[in-house]
Amino acid sequence: MAWRQHDYDEIPGTYVFDGKRSHSGYALNRMAFSFNSEANRQEFAADMDAYCRKYGLSDEQREAVLNGEFLKLLQMGGNIYYLAKIAVFHGLTVQDAGAAFHGISTDEFKQILLNNASGFEERLKQEGGFWHG
């Protein structure tokens, strides 16, 4: 399939979840989505490697899943929301995974979240209790 270039393709550290990334990460995201089922979570926990192979992950994706390399998984088309499901199996929180995406500590990432949230509750009250983006 031919993908067209985008301006954001040249921005270092930017991994836009576009059609190209979505296509390349389909098997990975399909596998992570399967964790909605308790039986699938148990099967994955029992043998992560076999479960990755069952879903047809590439060797590079499979190794990144097994090693908990979340930035690499993001680069290979992993959807951030689905990658959080994989993080749990590595004993990580969503904040831990977010920190890994940024290459910073979890505490630094949590502080960024707090800084970004500054004034949010007041703005929410001004908007009538609903966030409109």
N, C-alpha and C. Protein backbone atom coordinates (compact mmCIF):
# COMPACT_ATOMS: atom_id res chain seq x y z
N MET A 1 0.84 -1.16 0.00
CA MET A 1 0.00 0.00 0.00
C MET A 1 0.89 1.23 0.00
N ALA A 2 0.53 2.23 -0.78
CA ALA A 2 1.31 3.47 -0.86
C ALA A 2 0.74 4.49 0.12
N TRP A 3 1.61 5.04 0.95
CA TRP A 3 1.21 6.04 1.93
C TRP A 3 1.80 7.37 1.53
N ARG A 4 1.05 8.42 1.66
CA ARG A 4 1.58 9.74 1.31
C ARG A 4 2.34 10.32 2.50
N GLN A 5 3.28 11.18 2.21
CA GLN A 5 4.06 11.85 3.24
C GLN A 5 3.23 12.93 3.90
N HIS A 6 3.51 13.17 5.17
CA HIS A 6 2.86 14.24 5.93
C HIS A 6 3.94 15.12 6.54
N ASP A 7 3.61 16.36 6.80
CA ASP A 7 4.56 17.28 7.43
C ASP A 7 5.04 16.73 8.76
N TYR A 8 4.16 16.08 9.51
CA TYR A 8 4.53 15.58 10.83
C TYR A 8 5.50 14.41 10.78
N ASP A 9 5.68 13.80 9.61
CA ASP A 9 6.62 12.69 9.50
C ASP A 9 8.06 13.12 9.80
N GLU A 10 8.34 14.38 9.62
CA GLU A 10 9.70 14.90 9.80
C GLU A 10 9.95 15.49 11.19
N ILE A 11 8.97 15.45 12.06
CA ILE A 11 9.13 16.02 13.40
C ILE A 11 9.69 14.94 14.32
N PRO A 12 10.93 15.13 14.80
CA PRO A 12 11.54 14.12 15.67
C PRO A 12 10.70 13.86 16.92
N GLY A 13 10.56 12.59 17.27
CA GLY A 13 9.84 12.22 18.47
C GLY A 13 8.33 12.25 18.34
N THR A 14 7.83 12.43 17.11
CA THR A 14 6.39 12.49 16.89
C THR A 14 5.94 11.21 16.19
N TYR A 15 5.00 10.52 16.81
CA TYR A 15 4.51 9.25 16.27
C TYR A 15 3.00 9.34 16.18
N VAL A 16 2.52 9.92 15.11
CA VAL A 16 1.10 10.13 14.92
C VAL A 16 0.44 8.80 14.56
N PHE A 17 -0.63 8.49 15.26
CA PHE A 17 -1.36 7.25 14.99
C PHE A 17 -2.27 7.50 13.79
N ASP A 18 -1.67 7.43 12.61
CA ASP A 18 -2.39 7.67 11.37
C ASP A 18 -2.67 6.33 10.69
N GLY A 19 -3.12 6.37 9.47
CA GLY A 19 -3.44 5.15 8.75
C GLY A 19 -2.27 4.20 8.60
N LYS A 20 -1.11 4.77 8.31
CA LYS A 20 0.09 3.94 8.12
C LYS A 20 0.46 3.21 9.42
N ARG A 21 0.50 3.95 10.52
CA ARG A 21 0.83 3.33 11.81
C ARG A 21 -0.24 2.35 12.24
N SER A 22 -1.48 2.71 12.03
CA SER A 22 -2.58 1.83 12.38
C SER A 22 -2.47 0.51 11.63
N HIS A 23 -2.15 0.61 10.36
CA HIS A 23 -2.01 -0.59 9.53
C HIS A 23 -0.86 -1.47 10.03
N SER A 24 0.27 -0.86 10.32
CA SER A 24 1.43 -1.64 10.76
C SER A 24 1.24 -2.22 12.16
N GLY A 25 0.39 -1.60 12.97
CA GLY A 25 0.18 -2.08 14.33
C GLY A 25 -1.09 -2.89 14.52
N TYR A 26 -1.72 -3.27 13.42
CA TYR A 26 -3.01 -3.95 13.53
C TYR A 26 -2.95 -5.20 14.41
N ALA A 27 -2.01 -6.09 14.14
CA ALA A 27 -1.93 -7.35 14.92
C ALA A 27 -1.65 -7.06 16.39
N LEU A 28 -0.77 -6.11 16.66
CA LEU A 28 -0.44 -5.73 18.03
C LEU A 28 -1.67 -5.20 18.76
N ASN A 29 -2.38 -4.28 18.12
CA ASN A 29 -3.56 -3.69 18.74
C ASN A 29 -4.70 -4.70 18.88
N ARG A 30 -4.82 -5.58 17.91
CA ARG A 30 -5.83 -6.64 17.99
C ARG A 30 -5.56 -7.54 19.19
N MET A 31 -4.27 -7.86 19.37
CA MET A 31 -3.90 -8.70 20.51
C MET A 31 -4.22 -7.99 21.83
N ALA A 32 -3.82 -6.73 21.94
CA ALA A 32 -4.07 -5.99 23.18
C ALA A 32 -5.57 -5.84 23.44
N PHE A 33 -6.35 -5.65 22.40
CA PHE A 33 -7.80 -5.56 22.56
C PHE A 33 -8.37 -6.86 23.12
N SER A 34 -7.73 -7.97 22.77
CA SER A 34 -8.22 -9.27 23.25
C SER A 34 -8.16 -9.37 24.77
N PHE A 35 -7.38 -8.51 25.42
CA PHE A 35 -7.25 -8.55 26.87
C PHE A 35 -8.52 -8.09 27.58
N ASN A 36 -9.53 -7.69 26.81
CA ASN A 36 -10.83 -7.39 27.42
C ASN A 36 -11.43 -8.65 28.02
N SER A 37 -10.96 -9.80 27.57
CA SER A 37 -11.45 -11.08 28.07
C SER A 37 -10.49 -11.61 29.14
N GLU A 38 -11.04 -11.99 30.28
CA GLU A 38 -10.23 -12.54 31.37
C GLU A 38 -9.47 -13.78 30.92
N ALA A 39 -10.11 -14.65 30.15
CA ALA A 39 -9.46 -15.87 29.68
C ALA A 39 -8.23 -15.54 28.82
N ASN A 40 -8.33 -14.51 28.01
CA ASN A 40 -7.20 -14.10 27.17
C ASN A 40 -6.08 -13.50 28.01
N ARG A 41 -6.43 -12.74 29.03
CA ARG A 41 -5.41 -12.18 29.92
C ARG A 41 -4.65 -13.30 30.62
N GLN A 42 -5.38 -14.30 31.05
CA GLN A 42 -4.74 -15.43 31.71
C GLN A 42 -3.83 -16.19 30.75
N GLU A 43 -4.30 -16.39 29.53
CA GLU A 43 -3.48 -17.09 28.52
C GLU A 43 -2.21 -16.31 28.22
N PHE A 44 -2.33 -15.00 28.08
CA PHE A 44 -1.16 -14.15 27.81
C PHE A 44 -0.18 -14.20 28.98
N ALA A 45 -0.69 -14.10 30.19
CA ALA A 45 0.17 -14.11 31.38
C ALA A 45 0.91 -15.45 31.51
N ALA A 46 0.27 -16.52 31.09
CA ALA A 46 0.89 -17.85 31.20
C ALA A 46 2.04 -18.03 30.21
N ASP A 47 1.93 -17.45 29.02
CA ASP A 47 2.99 -17.59 28.01
C ASP A 47 2.88 -16.44 27.01
N MET A 48 3.50 -15.32 27.37
CA MET A 48 3.42 -14.11 26.55
C MET A 48 3.93 -14.33 25.13
N ASP A 49 5.04 -15.04 25.01
CA ASP A 49 5.64 -15.27 23.70
C ASP A 49 4.67 -16.03 22.79
N ALA A 50 4.11 -17.10 23.29
CA ALA A 50 3.18 -17.91 22.49
C ALA A 50 1.94 -17.10 22.12
N TYR A 51 1.48 -16.28 23.04
CA TYR A 51 0.28 -15.48 22.76
C TYR A 51 0.56 -14.46 21.67
N CYS A 52 1.74 -13.83 21.71
CA CYS A 52 2.13 -12.88 20.67
C CYS A 52 2.20 -13.58 19.31
N ARG A 53 2.74 -14.76 19.28
CA ARG A 53 2.84 -15.52 18.04
C ARG A 53 1.45 -15.91 17.53
N LYS A 54 0.56 -16.24 18.44
CA LYS A 54 -0.82 -16.59 18.09
C LYS A 54 -1.48 -15.46 17.32
N TYR A 55 -1.16 -14.21 17.68
CA TYR A 55 -1.75 -13.05 17.02
C TYR A 55 -0.92 -12.54 15.85
N GLY A 56 0.15 -13.23 15.51
CA GLY A 56 0.92 -12.89 14.32
C GLY A 56 1.76 -11.63 14.43
N LEU A 57 2.22 -11.29 15.63
CA LEU A 57 3.09 -10.13 15.77
C LEU A 57 4.41 -10.38 15.06
N SER A 58 4.99 -9.32 14.54
CA SER A 58 6.32 -9.44 13.95
C SER A 58 7.31 -9.75 15.06
N ASP A 59 8.47 -10.26 14.70
CA ASP A 59 9.48 -10.56 15.72
C ASP A 59 9.84 -9.31 16.51
N GLU A 60 9.93 -8.18 15.82
CA GLU A 60 10.28 -6.92 16.48
C GLU A 60 9.19 -6.50 17.47
N GLN A 61 7.93 -6.62 17.06
CA GLN A 61 6.83 -6.29 17.96
C GLN A 61 6.79 -7.24 19.15
N ARG A 62 6.95 -8.53 18.86
CA ARG A 62 6.90 -9.54 19.92
C ARG A 62 7.99 -9.28 20.96
N GLU A 63 9.20 -9.01 20.52
CA GLU A 63 10.30 -8.74 21.45
C GLU A 63 10.04 -7.48 22.26
N ALA A 64 9.46 -6.46 21.63
CA ALA A 64 9.16 -5.22 22.34
C ALA A 64 8.07 -5.46 23.40
N VAL A 65 7.09 -6.30 23.08
CA VAL A 65 6.05 -6.64 24.06
C VAL A 65 6.69 -7.36 25.24
N LEU A 66 7.51 -8.36 24.94
CA LEU A 66 8.11 -9.17 26.00
C LEU A 66 9.04 -8.35 26.89
N ASN A 67 9.70 -7.35 26.29
CA ASN A 67 10.66 -6.53 27.03
C ASN A 67 10.04 -5.25 27.60
N GLY A 68 8.77 -5.02 27.33
CA GLY A 68 8.11 -3.82 27.85
C GLY A 68 8.66 -2.54 27.26
N GLU A 69 9.00 -2.55 25.98
CA GLU A 69 9.55 -1.38 25.29
C GLU A 69 8.41 -0.58 24.68
N PHE A 70 7.77 0.25 25.48
CA PHE A 70 6.54 0.91 25.07
C PHE A 70 6.74 1.99 24.02
N LEU A 71 7.82 2.72 24.07
CA LEU A 71 8.07 3.72 23.03
C LEU A 71 8.24 3.01 21.68
N LYS A 72 8.95 1.92 21.69
CA LYS A 72 9.14 1.15 20.45
C LYS A 72 7.80 0.63 19.93
N LEU A 73 6.95 0.15 20.84
CA LEU A 73 5.63 -0.33 20.44
C LEU A 73 4.79 0.80 19.86
N LEU A 74 4.91 1.98 20.43
CA LEU A 74 4.20 3.15 19.91
C LEU A 74 4.69 3.46 18.50
N GLN A 75 6.00 3.42 18.31
CA GLN A 75 6.59 3.69 17.00
C GLN A 75 6.15 2.66 15.96
N MET A 76 5.87 1.43 16.41
CA MET A 76 5.48 0.36 15.49
C MET A 76 3.97 0.25 15.32
N GLY A 77 3.24 1.27 15.72
CA GLY A 77 1.81 1.30 15.46
C GLY A 77 0.93 0.93 16.61
N GLY A 78 1.49 0.81 17.80
CA GLY A 78 0.67 0.51 18.97
C GLY A 78 -0.19 1.71 19.33
N ASN A 79 -1.44 1.45 19.61
CA ASN A 79 -2.36 2.48 20.06
C ASN A 79 -2.11 2.70 21.55
N ILE A 80 -1.97 3.93 21.94
CA ILE A 80 -1.61 4.26 23.33
C ILE A 80 -2.56 3.62 24.34
N TYR A 81 -3.83 3.57 24.02
CA TYR A 81 -4.81 3.01 24.96
C TYR A 81 -4.65 1.49 25.08
N TYR A 82 -4.30 0.85 23.99
CA TYR A 82 -4.09 -0.59 24.03
C TYR A 82 -2.75 -0.93 24.68
N LEU A 83 -1.75 -0.07 24.49
CA LEU A 83 -0.45 -0.34 25.10
C LEU A 83 -0.54 -0.29 26.62
N ALA A 84 -1.45 0.49 27.14
CA ALA A 84 -1.65 0.54 28.59
C ALA A 84 -2.07 -0.84 29.11
N LYS A 85 -2.80 -1.59 28.30
CA LYS A 85 -3.22 -2.93 28.70
C LYS A 85 -2.01 -3.86 28.81
N ILE A 86 -1.03 -3.67 27.95
CA ILE A 86 0.19 -4.48 27.99
C ILE A 86 1.05 -4.08 29.19
N ALA A 87 1.06 -2.80 29.51
CA ALA A 87 1.87 -2.30 30.62
C ALA A 87 1.53 -2.99 31.93
N VAL A 88 0.26 -3.30 32.11
CA VAL A 88 -0.20 -3.95 33.35
C VAL A 88 0.54 -5.27 33.57
N PHE A 89 0.82 -6.00 32.51
CA PHE A 89 1.49 -7.29 32.64
C PHE A 89 2.97 -7.15 33.03
N HIS A 90 3.49 -5.94 32.88
CA HIS A 90 4.86 -5.66 33.29
C HIS A 90 4.91 -4.98 34.65
N GLY A 91 3.76 -4.95 35.32
CA GLY A 91 3.68 -4.34 36.65
C GLY A 91 3.74 -2.83 36.61
N LEU A 92 3.35 -2.25 35.48
CA LEU A 92 3.43 -0.81 35.30
C LEU A 92 2.05 -0.17 35.28
N THR A 93 2.01 1.09 35.65
CA THR A 93 0.78 1.87 35.56
C THR A 93 0.77 2.61 34.23
N VAL A 94 -0.35 3.24 33.94
CA VAL A 94 -0.44 4.06 32.74
C VAL A 94 0.57 5.22 32.83
N GLN A 95 0.77 5.75 34.03
CA GLN A 95 1.74 6.83 34.21
C GLN A 95 3.17 6.33 33.94
N ASP A 96 3.47 5.10 34.35
CA ASP A 96 4.79 4.53 34.06
C ASP A 96 5.00 4.42 32.55
N ALA A 97 3.97 3.95 31.86
CA ALA A 97 4.07 3.82 30.40
C ALA A 97 4.22 5.20 29.76
N GLY A 98 3.45 6.17 30.24
CA GLY A 98 3.56 7.53 29.70
C GLY A 98 4.95 8.10 29.90
N ALA A 99 5.54 7.85 31.04
CA ALA A 99 6.91 8.30 31.31
C ALA A 99 7.88 7.65 30.33
N ALA A 100 7.68 6.35 30.08
CA ALA A 100 8.55 5.64 29.14
C ALA A 100 8.44 6.23 27.74
N PHE A 101 7.24 6.64 27.34
CA PHE A 101 7.06 7.25 26.02
C PHE A 101 7.88 8.54 25.90
N HIS A 102 8.00 9.25 27.03
CA HIS A 102 8.71 10.53 27.03
C HIS A 102 10.18 10.41 27.42
N GLY A 103 10.58 9.25 27.87
CA GLY A 103 11.96 9.07 28.28
C GLY A 103 12.30 9.79 29.58
N ILE A 104 11.31 9.89 30.47
CA ILE A 104 11.50 10.57 31.75
C ILE A 104 11.03 9.65 32.88
N SER A 105 11.26 10.06 34.10
CA SER A 105 10.82 9.25 35.24
C SER A 105 9.31 9.37 35.42
N THR A 106 8.75 8.42 36.13
CA THR A 106 7.31 8.44 36.40
C THR A 106 6.95 9.68 37.21
N ASP A 107 7.78 10.04 38.18
CA ASP A 107 7.49 11.23 38.99
C ASP A 107 7.50 12.50 38.12
N GLU A 108 8.44 12.59 37.18
CA GLU A 108 8.48 13.75 36.28
C GLU A 108 7.21 13.78 35.41
N PHE A 109 6.80 12.62 34.94
CA PHE A 109 5.60 12.55 34.10
C PHE A 109 4.35 12.95 34.91
N LYS A 110 4.26 12.49 36.14
CA LYS A 110 3.12 12.85 36.99
C LYS A 110 3.08 14.36 37.23
N GLN A 111 4.25 14.96 37.39
CA GLN A 111 4.29 16.41 37.59
C GLN A 111 3.81 17.15 36.35
N ILE A 112 4.18 16.65 35.18
CA ILE A 112 3.70 17.25 33.93
C ILE A 112 2.18 17.18 33.87
N LEU A 113 1.62 16.03 34.25
CA LEU A 113 0.16 15.88 34.25
C LEU A 113 -0.48 16.89 35.20
N LEU A 114 0.10 17.02 36.39
CA LEU A 114 -0.43 17.99 37.36
C LEU A 114 -0.34 19.42 36.83
N ASN A 115 0.80 19.74 36.21
CA ASN A 115 0.97 21.08 35.64
C ASN A 115 -0.07 21.35 34.55
N ASN A 116 -0.30 20.34 33.70
CA ASN A 116 -1.27 20.50 32.62
C ASN A 116 -2.70 20.61 33.14
N ALA A 117 -2.95 20.03 34.30
CA ALA A 117 -4.30 20.05 34.88
C ALA A 117 -4.59 21.35 35.62
N SER A 118 -3.57 22.16 35.84
CA SER A 118 -3.74 23.39 36.59
C SER A 118 -4.84 24.25 35.94
N GLY A 119 -5.82 24.60 36.74
CA GLY A 119 -6.92 25.44 36.26
C GLY A 119 -8.05 24.68 35.58
N PHE A 120 -7.89 23.37 35.44
CA PHE A 120 -8.90 22.59 34.73
C PHE A 120 -10.25 22.60 35.43
N GLU A 121 -10.23 22.40 36.75
CA GLU A 121 -11.50 22.35 37.48
C GLU A 121 -12.25 23.68 37.38
N GLU A 122 -11.53 24.78 37.45
CA GLU A 122 -12.17 26.09 37.30
C GLU A 122 -12.74 26.25 35.89
N ARG A 123 -11.98 25.83 34.91
CA ARG A 123 -12.45 25.92 33.52
C ARG A 123 -13.68 25.03 33.32
N LEU A 124 -13.69 23.88 33.94
CA LEU A 124 -14.82 22.96 33.85
C LEU A 124 -16.08 23.60 34.43
N LYS A 125 -15.93 24.29 35.56
CA LYS A 125 -17.06 24.98 36.16
C LYS A 125 -17.59 26.07 35.22
N GLN A 126 -16.68 26.79 34.56
CA GLN A 126 -17.06 27.84 33.63
C GLN A 126 -17.81 27.26 32.42
N GLU A 127 -17.47 26.06 32.05
CA GLU A 127 -18.09 25.42 30.88
C GLU A 127 -19.38 24.71 31.25
N GLY A 128 -19.81 24.82 32.50
CA GLY A 128 -21.06 24.20 32.91
C GLY A 128 -20.92 22.74 33.29
N GLY A 129 -19.71 22.31 33.63
CA GLY A 129 -19.49 20.93 34.08
C GLY A 129 -19.15 19.96 32.97
N PHE A 130 -19.07 20.45 31.73
CA PHE A 130 -18.73 19.58 30.61
C PHE A 130 -17.52 20.15 29.88
N TRP A 131 -16.62 19.27 29.47
CA TRP A 131 -15.45 19.73 28.73
C TRP A 131 -15.76 19.65 27.25
N HIS A 132 -15.53 20.74 26.56
CA HIS A 132 -15.83 20.82 25.13
C HIS A 132 -14.56 20.88 24.29
N GLY A 133 -13.43 20.60 24.91
CA GLY A 133 -12.16 20.57 24.19
C GLY A 133 -11.59 21.90 23.99
